Amino acid sequence: MAKHKGPHKYKRVRLDWGTREGNSFKRTKKFVFRCMLVNCTHFLRKEMVIGQQSLCWYCGDIFTVSPSAARLQKPHCPSCGKGNKQVVTPQGMDAVMQQLHREGGQ
């Protein structure tokens, strides 16, 4: 397979396998980051993905994976985080309702 050029689009996946300990079967869980682009077989451990460039899952921009982004299943850029959404205040909601009322009355 041909290697693609440019940044990867990482997703945290669990490699699940088991080991035999005596008479029981013990499952072990390891997490790695896999590139989800078509025909890409690239894998990295969590320690290695920090500092790498990746494509954001939401906006598609290129960003550098930070330790906080490496904890996410689908790492995204800082501008697409939960804390960056616009918050509508009650005063702002009143202005929007007045504007809709004016447009609806015409």
C-alpha atoms as a PDB file:
ATOM      1  CA  MET A   1       0.000   0.000   0.000  1.00  0.00           C
ATOM      2  CA  ALA A   2       1.172   3.473  -0.824  1.00  0.00           C
ATOM      3  CA  LYS A   3       1.869   5.746   2.114  1.00  0.00           C
ATOM      4  CA  HIS A   4      -0.193   8.923   2.052  1.00  0.00           C
ATOM      5  CA  LYS A   5       1.435  12.326   2.355  1.00  0.00           C
ATOM      6  CA  GLY A   6       0.407  14.823   4.983  1.00  0.00           C
ATOM      7  CA  PRO A   7      -0.878  14.528   8.545  1.00  0.00           C
ATOM      8  CA  HIS A   8      -2.742  11.529   9.879  1.00  0.00           C
ATOM      9  CA  LYS A   9      -6.230  11.534  11.406  1.00  0.00           C
ATOM     10  CA  TYR A  10      -5.772   9.736  14.725  1.00  0.00           C
ATOM     11  CA  LYS A  11      -8.366   7.844  16.737  1.00  0.00           C
ATOM     12  CA  ARG A  12      -7.715   6.111  20.055  1.00  0.00           C
ATOM     13  CA  VAL A  13      -8.498   2.395  19.766  1.00  0.00           C
ATOM     14  CA  ARG A  14      -8.137  -0.463  22.221  1.00  0.00           C
ATOM     15  CA  LEU A  15      -6.006  -3.461  21.393  1.00  0.00           C
ATOM     16  CA  ASP A  16      -7.659  -6.234  23.356  1.00  0.00           C
ATOM     17  CA  TRP A  17      -5.948  -9.556  23.811  1.00  0.00           C
ATOM     18  CA  GLY A  18      -5.673 -12.074  26.575  1.00  0.00           C
ATOM     19  CA  THR A  19      -3.017 -14.062  28.383  1.00  0.00           C
ATOM     20  CA  ARG A  20      -3.229 -17.356  30.217  1.00  0.00           C
ATOM     21  CA  GLU A  21      -2.354 -17.359  33.877  1.00  0.00           C
ATOM     22  CA  GLY A  22      -2.635 -20.850  35.225  1.00  0.00           C
ATOM     23  CA  ASN A  23      -6.188 -22.023  34.731  1.00  0.00           C
ATOM     24  CA  SER A  24      -7.709 -18.574  34.018  1.00  0.00           C
ATOM     25  CA  PHE A  25      -7.702 -16.237  31.045  1.00  0.00           C
ATOM     26  CA  LYS A  26      -6.762 -12.636  31.882  1.00  0.00           C
ATOM     27  CA  ARG A  27      -7.604  -9.829  29.476  1.00  0.00           C
ATOM     28  CA  THR A  28      -5.178  -6.971  29.023  1.00  0.00           C
ATOM     29  CA  LYS A  29      -6.093  -3.601  27.541  1.00  0.00           C
ATOM     30  CA  LYS A  30      -3.708  -1.390  25.641  1.00  0.00           C
ATOM     31  CA  PHE A  31      -4.650   1.821  23.853  1.00  0.00           C
ATOM     32  CA  VAL A  32      -2.966   3.019  20.675  1.00  0.00           C
ATOM     33  CA  PHE A  33      -3.714   5.731  18.161  1.00  0.00           C
ATOM     34  CA  ARG A  34      -4.587   4.544  14.673  1.00  0.00           C
ATOM     35  CA  CYS A  35      -4.839   6.675  11.546  1.00  0.00           C
ATOM     36  CA  MET A  36      -8.396   6.443  10.223  1.00  0.00           C
ATOM     37  CA  LEU A  37      -7.662   7.657   6.698  1.00  0.00           C
ATOM     38  CA  VAL A  38      -8.416   5.203   3.897  1.00  0.00           C
ATOM     39  CA  ASN A  39      -5.600   2.693   3.192  1.00  0.00           C
ATOM     40  CA  CYS A  40      -3.418   3.984   6.047  1.00  0.00           C
ATOM     41  CA  THR A  41      -2.046   1.412   8.482  1.00  0.00           C
ATOM     42  CA  HIS A  42      -0.234   3.858  10.784  1.00  0.00           C
ATOM     43  CA  PHE A  43      -0.296   3.184  14.565  1.00  0.00           C
ATOM     44  CA  LEU A  44       1.318   5.085  17.452  1.00  0.00           C
ATOM     45  CA  ARG A  45       1.431   4.605  21.216  1.00  0.00           C
ATOM     46  CA  LYS A  46      -0.075   7.361  23.367  1.00  0.00           C
ATOM     47  CA  GLU A  47       3.346   8.565  24.470  1.00  0.00           C
ATOM     48  CA  MET A  48       4.439   8.920  20.857  1.00  0.00           C
ATOM     49  CA  VAL A  49       1.349  10.730  19.499  1.00  0.00           C
ATOM     50  CA  ILE A  50       1.855  13.809  21.709  1.00  0.00           C
ATOM     51  CA  GLY A  51       3.506  16.501  19.588  1.00  0.00           C
ATOM     52  CA  GLN A  52       2.507  14.924  16.258  1.00  0.00           C
ATOM     53  CA  GLN A  53       0.419  16.764  13.690  1.00  0.00           C
ATOM     54  CA  SER A  54      -3.096  15.459  13.176  1.00  0.00           C
ATOM     55  CA  LEU A  55      -6.292  16.396  11.368  1.00  0.00           C
ATOM     56  CA  CYS A  56      -9.119  17.674  13.572  1.00  0.00           C
ATOM     57  CA  TRP A  57     -12.182  15.408  13.615  1.00  0.00           C
ATOM     58  CA  TYR A  58     -14.593  18.357  13.554  1.00  0.00           C
ATOM     59  CA  CYS A  59     -13.146  21.151  11.406  1.00  0.00           C
ATOM     60  CA  GLY A  60     -10.471  19.234   9.457  1.00  0.00           C
ATOM     61  CA  ASP A  61      -7.666  21.700  10.269  1.00  0.00           C
ATOM     62  CA  ILE A  62      -4.149  20.547  11.119  1.00  0.00           C
ATOM     63  CA  PHE A  63      -3.166  20.822  14.800  1.00  0.00           C
ATOM     64  CA  THR A  64      -0.466  19.497  17.131  1.00  0.00           C
ATOM     65  CA  VAL A  65      -1.710  16.811  19.525  1.00  0.00           C
ATOM     66  CA  SER A  66      -1.425  17.978  23.128  1.00  0.00           C
ATOM     67  CA  PRO A  67      -1.513  15.759  26.232  1.00  0.00           C
ATOM     68  CA  SER A  68      -5.128  16.788  26.843  1.00  0.00           C
ATOM     69  CA  ALA A  69      -6.097  15.933  23.254  1.00  0.00           C
ATOM     70  CA  ALA A  70      -4.354  12.551  23.598  1.00  0.00           C
ATOM     71  CA  ARG A  71      -6.867  11.589  26.306  1.00  0.00           C
ATOM     72  CA  LEU A  72      -9.758  11.892  23.833  1.00  0.00           C
ATOM     73  CA  GLN A  73     -10.998   9.085  21.611  1.00  0.00           C
ATOM     74  CA  LYS A  74     -11.163  11.462  18.639  1.00  0.00           C
ATOM     75  CA  PRO A  75      -8.548  14.188  19.194  1.00  0.00           C
ATOM     76  CA  HIS A  76      -9.572  17.639  18.014  1.00  0.00           C
ATOM     77  CA  CYS A  77      -7.995  21.066  17.846  1.00  0.00           C
ATOM     78  CA  PRO A  78      -8.317  23.517  20.762  1.00  0.00           C
ATOM     79  CA  SER A  79     -10.722  25.753  18.822  1.00  0.00           C
ATOM     80  CA  CYS A  80     -13.250  22.888  18.529  1.00  0.00           C
ATOM     81  CA  GLY A  81     -13.333  22.139  22.266  1.00  0.00           C
ATOM     82  CA  LYS A  82     -16.460  22.189  24.422  1.00  0.00           C
ATOM     83  CA  GLY A  83     -15.515  25.441  26.134  1.00  0.00           C
ATOM     84  CA  ASN A  84     -15.423  27.468  22.915  1.00  0.00           C
ATOM     85  CA  LYS A  85     -19.125  27.385  22.015  1.00  0.00           C
ATOM     86  CA  GLN A  86     -21.019  30.658  22.006  1.00  0.00           C
ATOM     87  CA  VAL A  87     -23.214  31.161  25.050  1.00  0.00           C
ATOM     88  CA  VAL A  88     -26.482  33.051  24.618  1.00  0.00           C
ATOM     89  CA  THR A  89     -27.227  35.318  27.573  1.00  0.00           C
ATOM     90  CA  PRO A  90     -30.808  36.238  28.593  1.00  0.00           C
ATOM     91  CA  GLN A  91     -30.258  39.756  27.200  1.00  0.00           C
ATOM     92  CA  GLY A  92     -29.058  38.290  23.911  1.00  0.00           C
ATOM     93  CA  MET A  93     -32.066  35.953  23.801  1.00  0.00           C
ATOM     94  CA  ASP A  94     -34.428  38.937  24.271  1.00  0.00           C
ATOM     95  CA  ALA A  95     -32.809  40.725  21.332  1.00  0.00           C
ATOM     96  CA  VAL A  96     -33.150  37.619  19.152  1.00  0.00           C
ATOM     97  CA  MET A  97     -36.823  37.184  20.091  1.00  0.00           C
ATOM     98  CA  GLN A  98     -37.563  40.852  19.302  1.00  0.00           C
ATOM     99  CA  GLN A  99     -35.844  40.534  15.918  1.00  0.00           C
ATOM    100  CA  LEU A 100     -37.849  37.372  15.099  1.00  0.00           C
ATOM    101  CA  HIS A 101     -41.070  39.062  16.209  1.00  0.00           C
ATOM    102  CA  ARG A 102     -40.373  42.071  13.952  1.00  0.00           C
ATOM    103  CA  GLU A 103     -39.553  39.835  10.954  1.00  0.00           C
ATOM    104  CA  GLY A 104     -42.579  37.612  11.538  1.00  0.00           C
ATOM    105  CA  GLY A 105     -44.984  40.554  11.752  1.00  0.00           C
ATOM    106  CA  GLN A 106     -44.057  41.966   8.342  1.00  0.00           C
END
